[in-house]
Amino acid sequence: MNTVNAYALSLSARYDVELKNAKSANSLNFISKCALVVSQEKVATLLANCEVKTDFAQDSVQANSAFCMKALENCAHMLEFAVDARNVDKLKSNVEETLRTLINFKKANEQFSASDIEIALDKNIKVAKERAHLYFRRKDVFSSAKRHASMNMRALVALNILKSASKDKYTVNDNDIVKAIEARFTA
């Protein structure tokens, strides 16, 4: 089995498990979408070059709790954007806000956390004036900011976009995925 196919095979295995567990069609679609994206040679090569684990879809954060299927959809959106297959105006707003905030943190050489994503997604969270420039803020009320922040954080870690610096803090991994995303925003 070569690395190019290993990502899609891992997602296919996850799909089979979730199908057996009678997950909803929506949840299964999240896995299918990600499998379709990673099955593209350009994407799989990018993942391999960035040392993304081939079984990232199998990882669990908590015991007996597999990688969130909705986070897999966010992985697909991020990867499609990185390889120029999705225009920024077609990017889900919470993913765009997360990625733009991430790039701002990278440029400022600041550590990043899930709470930073939540700040970007929730316009009601107050931010110190000297840090406001780091956040690409949502303009409207987003009631599920905390949940989406968690899903985006899982996607960023799974794709090796972030590397752990301490318990809840990460540094932006300046790999080819990050460079591609940054280039897309500055183009």
C-alpha atoms as a PDB file:
ATOM      1  CA  MET A   1       0.000   0.000   0.000  1.00  0.00           C
ATOM      2  CA  ASN A   2       1.529   3.324  -0.984  1.00  0.00           C
ATOM      3  CA  THR A   3       1.186   6.548   0.975  1.00  0.00           C
ATOM      4  CA  VAL A   4      -0.838   8.234  -1.758  1.00  0.00           C
ATOM      5  CA  ASN A   5      -3.690   5.743  -1.255  1.00  0.00           C
ATOM      6  CA  ALA A   6      -3.296   5.215   2.481  1.00  0.00           C
ATOM      7  CA  TYR A   7      -5.289   8.332   3.450  1.00  0.00           C
ATOM      8  CA  ALA A   8      -8.306   7.334   1.366  1.00  0.00           C
ATOM      9  CA  LEU A   9      -8.089   3.727   2.579  1.00  0.00           C
ATOM     10  CA  SER A  10      -8.065   4.880   6.192  1.00  0.00           C
ATOM     11  CA  LEU A  11     -11.125   7.065   5.615  1.00  0.00           C
ATOM     12  CA  SER A  12     -12.851   4.217   3.805  1.00  0.00           C
ATOM     13  CA  ALA A  13     -12.240   1.975   6.818  1.00  0.00           C
ATOM     14  CA  ARG A  14     -13.679   4.658   9.088  1.00  0.00           C
ATOM     15  CA  TYR A  15     -16.729   4.935   6.801  1.00  0.00           C
ATOM     16  CA  ASP A  16     -17.309   1.162   7.065  1.00  0.00           C
ATOM     17  CA  VAL A  17     -17.163   1.306  10.876  1.00  0.00           C
ATOM     18  CA  GLU A  18     -19.587   4.226  11.061  1.00  0.00           C
ATOM     19  CA  LEU A  19     -21.932   2.592   8.558  1.00  0.00           C
ATOM     20  CA  LYS A  20     -21.994  -0.520  10.739  1.00  0.00           C
ATOM     21  CA  ASN A  21     -22.732   1.754  13.729  1.00  0.00           C
ATOM     22  CA  ALA A  22     -25.745   3.146  11.826  1.00  0.00           C
ATOM     23  CA  LYS A  23     -24.513   6.737  11.755  1.00  0.00           C
ATOM     24  CA  SER A  24     -26.616   9.299   9.935  1.00  0.00           C
ATOM     25  CA  ALA A  25     -26.291   9.868   6.195  1.00  0.00           C
ATOM     26  CA  ASN A  26     -25.025  13.382   6.980  1.00  0.00           C
ATOM     27  CA  SER A  27     -22.204  12.054   9.130  1.00  0.00           C
ATOM     28  CA  LEU A  28     -21.277   9.483   6.502  1.00  0.00           C
ATOM     29  CA  ASN A  29     -21.197  12.252   3.892  1.00  0.00           C
ATOM     30  CA  PHE A  30     -18.576  14.125   5.940  1.00  0.00           C
ATOM     31  CA  ILE A  31     -16.322  11.061   5.787  1.00  0.00           C
ATOM     32  CA  SER A  32     -17.028  10.516   2.080  1.00  0.00           C
ATOM     33  CA  LYS A  33     -16.208  14.124   1.242  1.00  0.00           C
ATOM     34  CA  CYS A  34     -12.879  13.953   3.040  1.00  0.00           C
ATOM     35  CA  ALA A  35     -12.083  10.573   1.416  1.00  0.00           C
ATOM     36  CA  LEU A  36     -12.769  12.038  -2.007  1.00  0.00           C
ATOM     37  CA  VAL A  37     -10.482  15.006  -1.349  1.00  0.00           C
ATOM     38  CA  VAL A  38      -7.573  12.972   0.053  1.00  0.00           C
ATOM     39  CA  SER A  39      -7.845  10.444  -2.777  1.00  0.00           C
ATOM     40  CA  GLN A  40      -6.579  13.131  -5.168  1.00  0.00           C
ATOM     41  CA  GLU A  41      -2.890  12.541  -5.811  1.00  0.00           C
ATOM     42  CA  LYS A  42      -2.033  16.234  -5.343  1.00  0.00           C
ATOM     43  CA  VAL A  43      -3.694  16.283  -1.904  1.00  0.00           C
ATOM     44  CA  ALA A  44      -2.283  12.929  -0.767  1.00  0.00           C
ATOM     45  CA  THR A  45       1.217  13.993  -1.806  1.00  0.00           C
ATOM     46  CA  LEU A  46       0.797  17.260   0.121  1.00  0.00           C
ATOM     47  CA  LEU A  47      -0.338  15.323   3.204  1.00  0.00           C
ATOM     48  CA  ALA A  48       2.590  12.908   2.950  1.00  0.00           C
ATOM     49  CA  ASN A  49       5.087  15.776   2.483  1.00  0.00           C
ATOM     50  CA  CYS A  50       3.674  17.452   5.592  1.00  0.00           C
ATOM     51  CA  GLU A  51       3.980  14.226   7.589  1.00  0.00           C
ATOM     52  CA  VAL A  52       0.250  13.943   8.254  1.00  0.00           C
ATOM     53  CA  LYS A  53      -0.532  10.547   9.742  1.00  0.00           C
ATOM     54  CA  THR A  54      -2.321   8.332   7.230  1.00  0.00           C
ATOM     55  CA  ASP A  55      -4.763   7.240   9.928  1.00  0.00           C
ATOM     56  CA  PHE A  56      -5.669  10.754  11.151  1.00  0.00           C
ATOM     57  CA  ALA A  57      -9.369   9.901  10.719  1.00  0.00           C
ATOM     58  CA  GLN A  58      -8.992   7.097  13.262  1.00  0.00           C
ATOM     59  CA  ASP A  59      -7.408   9.228  15.986  1.00  0.00           C
ATOM     60  CA  SER A  60      -9.302   9.839  19.175  1.00  0.00           C
ATOM     61  CA  VAL A  61      -8.874  12.658  21.641  1.00  0.00           C
ATOM     62  CA  GLN A  62     -10.744  10.877  24.400  1.00  0.00           C
ATOM     63  CA  ALA A  63     -10.937   7.158  25.019  1.00  0.00           C
ATOM     64  CA  ASN A  64     -13.527   5.472  22.801  1.00  0.00           C
ATOM     65  CA  SER A  65     -14.336   8.700  20.985  1.00  0.00           C
ATOM     66  CA  ALA A  66     -13.241   8.668  17.346  1.00  0.00           C
ATOM     67  CA  PHE A  67     -12.228  11.745  15.393  1.00  0.00           C
ATOM     68  CA  CYS A  68     -15.279  13.987  14.928  1.00  0.00           C
ATOM     69  CA  MET A  69     -16.861  13.363  11.523  1.00  0.00           C
ATOM     70  CA  LYS A  70     -17.746  17.052  11.132  1.00  0.00           C
ATOM     71  CA  ALA A  71     -14.065  17.887  11.726  1.00  0.00           C
ATOM     72  CA  LEU A  72     -13.274  15.596   8.787  1.00  0.00           C
ATOM     73  CA  GLU A  73     -15.399  17.863   6.594  1.00  0.00           C
ATOM     74  CA  ASN A  74     -13.349  20.833   7.842  1.00  0.00           C
ATOM     75  CA  CYS A  75     -10.165  18.938   6.938  1.00  0.00           C
ATOM     76  CA  ALA A  76     -11.579  18.524   3.423  1.00  0.00           C
ATOM     77  CA  HIS A  77     -12.395  22.240   3.147  1.00  0.00           C
ATOM     78  CA  MET A  78      -8.918  23.241   4.335  1.00  0.00           C
ATOM     79  CA  LEU A  79      -7.204  20.856   1.949  1.00  0.00           C
ATOM     80  CA  GLU A  80      -9.340  21.884  -1.029  1.00  0.00           C
ATOM     81  CA  PHE A  81      -8.481  25.503  -0.309  1.00  0.00           C
ATOM     82  CA  ALA A  82      -4.775  24.716   0.071  1.00  0.00           C
ATOM     83  CA  VAL A  83      -4.606  23.001  -3.333  1.00  0.00           C
ATOM     84  CA  ASP A  84      -6.567  25.782  -5.028  1.00  0.00           C
ATOM     85  CA  ALA A  85      -9.685  23.700  -5.620  1.00  0.00           C
ATOM     86  CA  ARG A  86     -11.982  25.975  -3.597  1.00  0.00           C
ATOM     87  CA  ASN A  87     -12.315  29.744  -3.858  1.00  0.00           C
ATOM     88  CA  VAL A  88     -12.247  31.756  -0.662  1.00  0.00           C
ATOM     89  CA  ASP A  89     -15.852  32.849  -1.260  1.00  0.00           C
ATOM     90  CA  LYS A  90     -16.850  29.157  -1.249  1.00  0.00           C
ATOM     91  CA  LEU A  91     -14.967  28.419   1.990  1.00  0.00           C
ATOM     92  CA  LYS A  92     -17.204  27.898   5.018  1.00  0.00           C
ATOM     93  CA  SER A  93     -17.088  31.115   7.028  1.00  0.00           C
ATOM     94  CA  ASN A  94     -15.955  29.449  10.260  1.00  0.00           C
ATOM     95  CA  VAL A  95     -13.110  27.735   8.385  1.00  0.00           C
ATOM     96  CA  GLU A  96     -12.084  30.990   6.704  1.00  0.00           C
ATOM     97  CA  GLU A  97     -12.106  32.877  10.003  1.00  0.00           C
ATOM     98  CA  THR A  98     -10.051  30.120  11.596  1.00  0.00           C
ATOM     99  CA  LEU A  99      -7.479  29.988   8.800  1.00  0.00           C
ATOM    100  CA  ARG A 100      -7.096  33.763   8.487  1.00  0.00           C
ATOM    101  CA  THR A 101      -6.657  34.048  12.258  1.00  0.00           C
ATOM    102  CA  LEU A 102      -4.117  31.213  12.165  1.00  0.00           C
ATOM    103  CA  ILE A 103      -2.083  33.012   9.483  1.00  0.00           C
ATOM    104  CA  ASN A 104      -2.173  36.228  11.534  1.00  0.00           C
ATOM    105  CA  PHE A 105      -0.802  34.318  14.537  1.00  0.00           C
ATOM    106  CA  LYS A 106       1.894  32.752  12.360  1.00  0.00           C
ATOM    107  CA  LYS A 107       2.996  36.154  11.051  1.00  0.00           C
ATOM    108  CA  ALA A 108       3.093  37.540  14.591  1.00  0.00           C
ATOM    109  CA  ASN A 109       5.000  34.454  15.813  1.00  0.00           C
ATOM    110  CA  GLU A 110       2.359  33.945  18.504  1.00  0.00           C
ATOM    111  CA  GLN A 111       1.202  30.677  20.025  1.00  0.00           C
ATOM    112  CA  PHE A 112      -2.307  29.565  19.068  1.00  0.00           C
ATOM    113  CA  SER A 113      -5.119  27.822  20.971  1.00  0.00           C
ATOM    114  CA  ALA A 114      -8.711  26.678  20.562  1.00  0.00           C
ATOM    115  CA  SER A 115      -9.806  29.766  22.506  1.00  0.00           C
ATOM    116  CA  ASP A 116      -8.249  31.901  19.758  1.00  0.00           C
ATOM    117  CA  ILE A 117     -10.479  30.193  17.207  1.00  0.00           C
ATOM    118  CA  GLU A 118     -13.478  30.746  19.468  1.00  0.00           C
ATOM    119  CA  ILE A 119     -12.614  34.462  19.699  1.00  0.00           C
ATOM    120  CA  ALA A 120     -12.495  34.653  15.901  1.00  0.00           C
ATOM    121  CA  LEU A 121     -15.881  32.915  15.619  1.00  0.00           C
ATOM    122  CA  ASP A 122     -17.707  34.742  18.422  1.00  0.00           C
ATOM    123  CA  LYS A 123     -17.969  38.494  17.903  1.00  0.00           C
ATOM    124  CA  ASN A 124     -19.217  38.868  21.488  1.00  0.00           C
ATOM    125  CA  ILE A 125     -15.927  37.832  23.095  1.00  0.00           C
ATOM    126  CA  LYS A 126     -13.941  40.883  24.126  1.00  0.00           C
ATOM    127  CA  VAL A 127     -10.331  41.168  22.948  1.00  0.00           C
ATOM    128  CA  ALA A 128      -7.619  43.494  24.219  1.00  0.00           C
ATOM    129  CA  LYS A 129      -6.954  46.266  21.691  1.00  0.00           C
ATOM    130  CA  GLU A 130      -3.297  45.280  21.341  1.00  0.00           C
ATOM    131  CA  ARG A 131      -4.335  41.751  20.271  1.00  0.00           C
ATOM    132  CA  ALA A 132      -7.341  42.614  18.084  1.00  0.00           C
ATOM    133  CA  HIS A 133      -5.232  42.617  14.899  1.00  0.00           C
ATOM    134  CA  LEU A 134      -4.574  38.890  15.330  1.00  0.00           C
ATOM    135  CA  TYR A 135      -8.210  37.913  14.859  1.00  0.00           C
ATOM    136  CA  PHE A 136     -10.229  37.726  11.673  1.00  0.00           C
ATOM    137  CA  ARG A 137     -13.565  38.242  13.413  1.00  0.00           C
ATOM    138  CA  ARG A 138     -17.017  37.032  12.488  1.00  0.00           C
ATOM    139  CA  LYS A 139     -19.403  39.922  11.883  1.00  0.00           C
ATOM    140  CA  ASP A 140     -22.605  38.201  13.032  1.00  0.00           C
ATOM    141  CA  VAL A 141     -23.683  36.137  16.048  1.00  0.00           C
ATOM    142  CA  PHE A 142     -22.625  32.484  15.825  1.00  0.00           C
ATOM    143  CA  SER A 143     -24.272  30.447  18.563  1.00  0.00           C
ATOM    144  CA  SER A 144     -22.115  27.351  18.054  1.00  0.00           C
ATOM    145  CA  ALA A 145     -18.722  29.092  18.067  1.00  0.00           C
ATOM    146  CA  LYS A 146     -17.307  26.874  20.825  1.00  0.00           C
ATOM    147  CA  ARG A 147     -18.277  23.626  19.054  1.00  0.00           C
ATOM    148  CA  HIS A 148     -16.946  24.817  15.695  1.00  0.00           C
ATOM    149  CA  ALA A 149     -13.749  26.069  17.326  1.00  0.00           C
ATOM    150  CA  SER A 150     -13.214  22.575  18.702  1.00  0.00           C
ATOM    151  CA  MET A 151     -13.816  20.948  15.293  1.00  0.00           C
ATOM    152  CA  ASN A 152     -11.488  23.379  13.538  1.00  0.00           C
ATOM    153  CA  MET A 153      -8.801  22.812  16.162  1.00  0.00           C
ATOM    154  CA  ARG A 154      -9.046  19.037  15.638  1.00  0.00           C
ATOM    155  CA  ALA A 155      -8.714  19.539  11.885  1.00  0.00           C
ATOM    156  CA  LEU A 156      -5.672  21.814  12.278  1.00  0.00           C
ATOM    157  CA  VAL A 157      -3.918  19.339  14.569  1.00  0.00           C
ATOM    158  CA  ALA A 158      -4.828  16.324  12.415  1.00  0.00           C
ATOM    159  CA  LEU A 159      -3.436  18.017   9.315  1.00  0.00           C
ATOM    160  CA  ASN A 160      -0.188  18.820  11.154  1.00  0.00           C
ATOM    161  CA  ILE A 161      -0.873  22.528  10.696  1.00  0.00           C
ATOM    162  CA  LEU A 162      -0.354  23.006  14.429  1.00  0.00           C
ATOM    163  CA  LYS A 163       2.214  21.412  16.676  1.00  0.00           C
ATOM    164  CA  SER A 164       1.885  21.245  20.421  1.00  0.00           C
ATOM    165  CA  ALA A 165       3.952  23.733  22.410  1.00  0.00           C
ATOM    166  CA  SER A 166       2.369  23.108  25.826  1.00  0.00           C
ATOM    167  CA  LYS A 167      -0.854  21.697  27.257  1.00  0.00           C
ATOM    168  CA  ASP A 168      -3.302  23.957  25.385  1.00  0.00           C
ATOM    169  CA  LYS A 169      -0.981  26.046  23.223  1.00  0.00           C
ATOM    170  CA  TYR A 170       0.332  25.354  19.757  1.00  0.00           C
ATOM    171  CA  THR A 171       2.728  26.866  17.287  1.00  0.00           C
ATOM    172  CA  VAL A 172       1.896  27.098  13.621  1.00  0.00           C
ATOM    173  CA  ASN A 173       3.822  24.464  11.706  1.00  0.00           C
ATOM    174  CA  ASP A 174       5.283  26.245   8.675  1.00  0.00           C
ATOM    175  CA  ASN A 175       4.745  23.270   6.367  1.00  0.00           C
ATOM    176  CA  ASP A 176       3.537  23.147   2.760  1.00  0.00           C
ATOM    177  CA  ILE A 177      -0.153  23.136   3.758  1.00  0.00           C
ATOM    178  CA  VAL A 178       0.283  26.336   5.772  1.00  0.00           C
ATOM    179  CA  LYS A 179       2.369  27.935   3.027  1.00  0.00           C
ATOM    180  CA  ALA A 180      -0.291  27.073   0.427  1.00  0.00           C
ATOM    181  CA  ILE A 181      -3.107  28.479   2.576  1.00  0.00           C
ATOM    182  CA  GLU A 182      -1.130  31.645   3.272  1.00  0.00           C
ATOM    183  CA  ALA A 183      -0.373  32.073  -0.424  1.00  0.00           C
ATOM    184  CA  ARG A 184      -4.052  31.676  -1.303  1.00  0.00           C
ATOM    185  CA  PHE A 185      -5.036  34.472   1.103  1.00  0.00           C
ATOM    186  CA  THR A 186      -2.348  36.834  -0.147  1.00  0.00           C
ATOM    187  CA  ALA A 187      -2.933  36.164  -3.866  1.00  0.00           C
END
